[in-house]
Amino acid sequence: MIRLRIQVAHWPRRSLVLTDTPRPDCGNCEGLGGIEHPYGDHNGEYAGDEWEPCGCWNENRRWFLMPLPRRPRWLRHRDAGRDPWGPGGYSDEPPF
């Protein structure tokens, strides 16, 4: 059974895609879509993870729905780096 959801894809262009999701009641991956296998180096220290996809879903199964519009170039560069409220969206000016 396919469990579909809408997702935003960013390659090659921002677009909406319909994609499959892992089975939430899967006994192997517990709904995560795969099994993580951490491994260590020759000293026994953590060196990373390997991901084994579960058979309950196919992460490559997706259908293109529609491209998302791009912002005009003049609008993209106009507000870059200027935030009138400062970092975090708050002003440190008194209200009077």
C-alpha atoms as a PDB file:
ATOM      1  CA  MET A   1       0.000   0.000   0.000  1.00  0.00           C
ATOM      2  CA  ILE A   2       1.335   3.447  -0.922  1.00  0.00           C
ATOM      3  CA  ARG A   3       1.136   6.225   1.690  1.00  0.00           C
ATOM      4  CA  LEU A   4       1.493   9.518  -0.164  1.00  0.00           C
ATOM      5  CA  ARG A   5       2.456  12.997   1.039  1.00  0.00           C
ATOM      6  CA  ILE A   6       3.243  16.315  -0.626  1.00  0.00           C
ATOM      7  CA  GLN A   7       6.843  17.454  -0.314  1.00  0.00           C
ATOM      8  CA  VAL A   8       8.973  20.346  -1.611  1.00  0.00           C
ATOM      9  CA  ALA A   9      11.888  19.187  -3.767  1.00  0.00           C
ATOM     10  CA  HIS A  10      14.838  21.511  -4.367  1.00  0.00           C
ATOM     11  CA  TRP A  11      16.557  19.858  -7.328  1.00  0.00           C
ATOM     12  CA  PRO A  12      16.830  20.769 -10.183  1.00  0.00           C
ATOM     13  CA  ARG A  13      14.290  23.480  -9.344  1.00  0.00           C
ATOM     14  CA  ARG A  14      11.953  24.047  -6.404  1.00  0.00           C
ATOM     15  CA  SER A  15       8.790  22.088  -7.066  1.00  0.00           C
ATOM     16  CA  LEU A  16       6.039  20.128  -5.365  1.00  0.00           C
ATOM     17  CA  VAL A  17       6.265  16.353  -5.574  1.00  0.00           C
ATOM     18  CA  LEU A  18       4.062  13.536  -4.371  1.00  0.00           C
ATOM     19  CA  THR A  19       6.185  10.974  -2.543  1.00  0.00           C
ATOM     20  CA  ASP A  20       5.815   7.682  -0.688  1.00  0.00           C
ATOM     21  CA  THR A  21       6.283   7.513   3.105  1.00  0.00           C
ATOM     22  CA  PRO A  22       7.436   4.621   5.318  1.00  0.00           C
ATOM     23  CA  ARG A  23       4.810   2.353   6.843  1.00  0.00           C
ATOM     24  CA  PRO A  24       4.277   3.653  10.428  1.00  0.00           C
ATOM     25  CA  ASP A  25       3.618   0.195  11.919  1.00  0.00           C
ATOM     26  CA  CYS A  26       6.643  -1.527  10.312  1.00  0.00           C
ATOM     27  CA  GLY A  27       8.307  -3.953  12.733  1.00  0.00           C
ATOM     28  CA  ASN A  28      11.755  -3.618  11.151  1.00  0.00           C
ATOM     29  CA  CYS A  29      12.280   0.163  11.007  1.00  0.00           C
ATOM     30  CA  GLU A  30       9.498   1.322  13.383  1.00  0.00           C
ATOM     31  CA  GLY A  31       8.238   3.802  10.781  1.00  0.00           C
ATOM     32  CA  LEU A  32      11.598   5.527  10.127  1.00  0.00           C
ATOM     33  CA  GLY A  33      12.102   4.039   6.663  1.00  0.00           C
ATOM     34  CA  GLY A  34      15.425   2.383   7.393  1.00  0.00           C
ATOM     35  CA  ILE A  35      17.803   1.009   9.966  1.00  0.00           C
ATOM     36  CA  GLU A  36      20.812   2.991  11.184  1.00  0.00           C
ATOM     37  CA  HIS A  37      24.039   1.092  11.819  1.00  0.00           C
ATOM     38  CA  PRO A  38      26.666   3.111  13.720  1.00  0.00           C
ATOM     39  CA  TYR A  39      30.256   1.982  13.284  1.00  0.00           C
ATOM     40  CA  GLY A  40      33.617   2.788  14.841  1.00  0.00           C
ATOM     41  CA  ASP A  41      37.193   3.213  13.704  1.00  0.00           C
ATOM     42  CA  HIS A  42      40.176   1.033  14.655  1.00  0.00           C
ATOM     43  CA  ASN A  43      40.318   2.688  18.126  1.00  0.00           C
ATOM     44  CA  GLY A  44      36.676   1.938  18.843  1.00  0.00           C
ATOM     45  CA  GLU A  45      35.635   5.597  18.532  1.00  0.00           C
ATOM     46  CA  TYR A  46      32.429   6.578  16.741  1.00  0.00           C
ATOM     47  CA  ALA A  47      33.165   7.117  13.036  1.00  0.00           C
ATOM     48  CA  GLY A  48      29.735   7.511  11.442  1.00  0.00           C
ATOM     49  CA  ASP A  49      26.551   5.741  10.431  1.00  0.00           C
ATOM     50  CA  GLU A  50      25.428   3.544   7.588  1.00  0.00           C
ATOM     51  CA  TRP A  51      21.782   3.635   6.533  1.00  0.00           C
ATOM     52  CA  GLU A  52      20.046   0.480   5.347  1.00  0.00           C
ATOM     53  CA  PRO A  53      16.692   1.311   3.689  1.00  0.00           C
ATOM     54  CA  CYS A  54      13.723  -0.772   4.793  1.00  0.00           C
ATOM     55  CA  GLY A  55      11.564  -2.693   2.325  1.00  0.00           C
ATOM     56  CA  CYS A  56       8.360  -1.010   3.570  1.00  0.00           C
ATOM     57  CA  TRP A  57       8.880   1.994   1.267  1.00  0.00           C
ATOM     58  CA  ASN A  58      10.771   3.240  -1.748  1.00  0.00           C
ATOM     59  CA  GLU A  59      12.414   6.638  -1.240  1.00  0.00           C
ATOM     60  CA  ASN A  60      12.864   7.044  -5.014  1.00  0.00           C
ATOM     61  CA  ARG A  61       9.147   6.724  -5.765  1.00  0.00           C
ATOM     62  CA  ARG A  62       7.958  10.283  -6.403  1.00  0.00           C
ATOM     63  CA  TRP A  63       5.798  12.102  -8.900  1.00  0.00           C
ATOM     64  CA  PHE A  64       6.300  15.682 -10.028  1.00  0.00           C
ATOM     65  CA  LEU A  65       3.220  17.851  -9.425  1.00  0.00           C
ATOM     66  CA  MET A  66       4.153  21.429 -10.305  1.00  0.00           C
ATOM     67  CA  PRO A  67       7.102  23.841 -10.256  1.00  0.00           C
ATOM     68  CA  LEU A  68       7.104  26.576  -7.628  1.00  0.00           C
ATOM     69  CA  PRO A  69       7.510  30.143  -8.867  1.00  0.00           C
ATOM     70  CA  ARG A  70      10.844  31.886  -8.426  1.00  0.00           C
ATOM     71  CA  ARG A  71      11.133  35.257  -6.750  1.00  0.00           C
ATOM     72  CA  PRO A  72      12.116  38.021  -9.174  1.00  0.00           C
ATOM     73  CA  ARG A  73      15.832  38.778  -9.127  1.00  0.00           C
ATOM     74  CA  TRP A  74      15.304  42.379  -7.991  1.00  0.00           C
ATOM     75  CA  LEU A  75      13.232  41.155  -5.037  1.00  0.00           C
ATOM     76  CA  ARG A  76      15.772  38.493  -3.977  1.00  0.00           C
ATOM     77  CA  HIS A  77      18.662  40.974  -3.605  1.00  0.00           C
ATOM     78  CA  ARG A  78      16.676  43.902  -2.289  1.00  0.00           C
ATOM     79  CA  ASP A  79      16.272  42.656   1.291  1.00  0.00           C
ATOM     80  CA  ALA A  80      19.454  40.590   1.537  1.00  0.00           C
ATOM     81  CA  GLY A  81      21.345  41.335   4.732  1.00  0.00           C
ATOM     82  CA  ARG A  82      19.059  44.110   5.952  1.00  0.00           C
ATOM     83  CA  ASP A  83      16.852  43.330   8.927  1.00  0.00           C
ATOM     84  CA  PRO A  84      15.327  46.507  10.439  1.00  0.00           C
ATOM     85  CA  TRP A  85      14.527  44.668  13.669  1.00  0.00           C
ATOM     86  CA  GLY A  86      18.020  43.272  14.188  1.00  0.00           C
ATOM     87  CA  PRO A  87      18.920  39.632  14.766  1.00  0.00           C
ATOM     88  CA  GLY A  88      16.063  37.484  15.974  1.00  0.00           C
ATOM     89  CA  GLY A  89      13.363  39.870  14.749  1.00  0.00           C
ATOM     90  CA  TYR A  90      13.329  42.092  17.875  1.00  0.00           C
ATOM     91  CA  SER A  91      14.336  45.724  18.211  1.00  0.00           C
ATOM     92  CA  ASP A  92      16.470  46.959  21.096  1.00  0.00           C
ATOM     93  CA  GLU A  93      15.083  50.494  20.731  1.00  0.00           C
ATOM     94  CA  PRO A  94      12.774  51.840  23.495  1.00  0.00           C
ATOM     95  CA  PRO A  95       9.113  52.213  22.437  1.00  0.00           C
ATOM     96  CA  PHE A  96       9.046  56.012  22.803  1.00  0.00           C
END
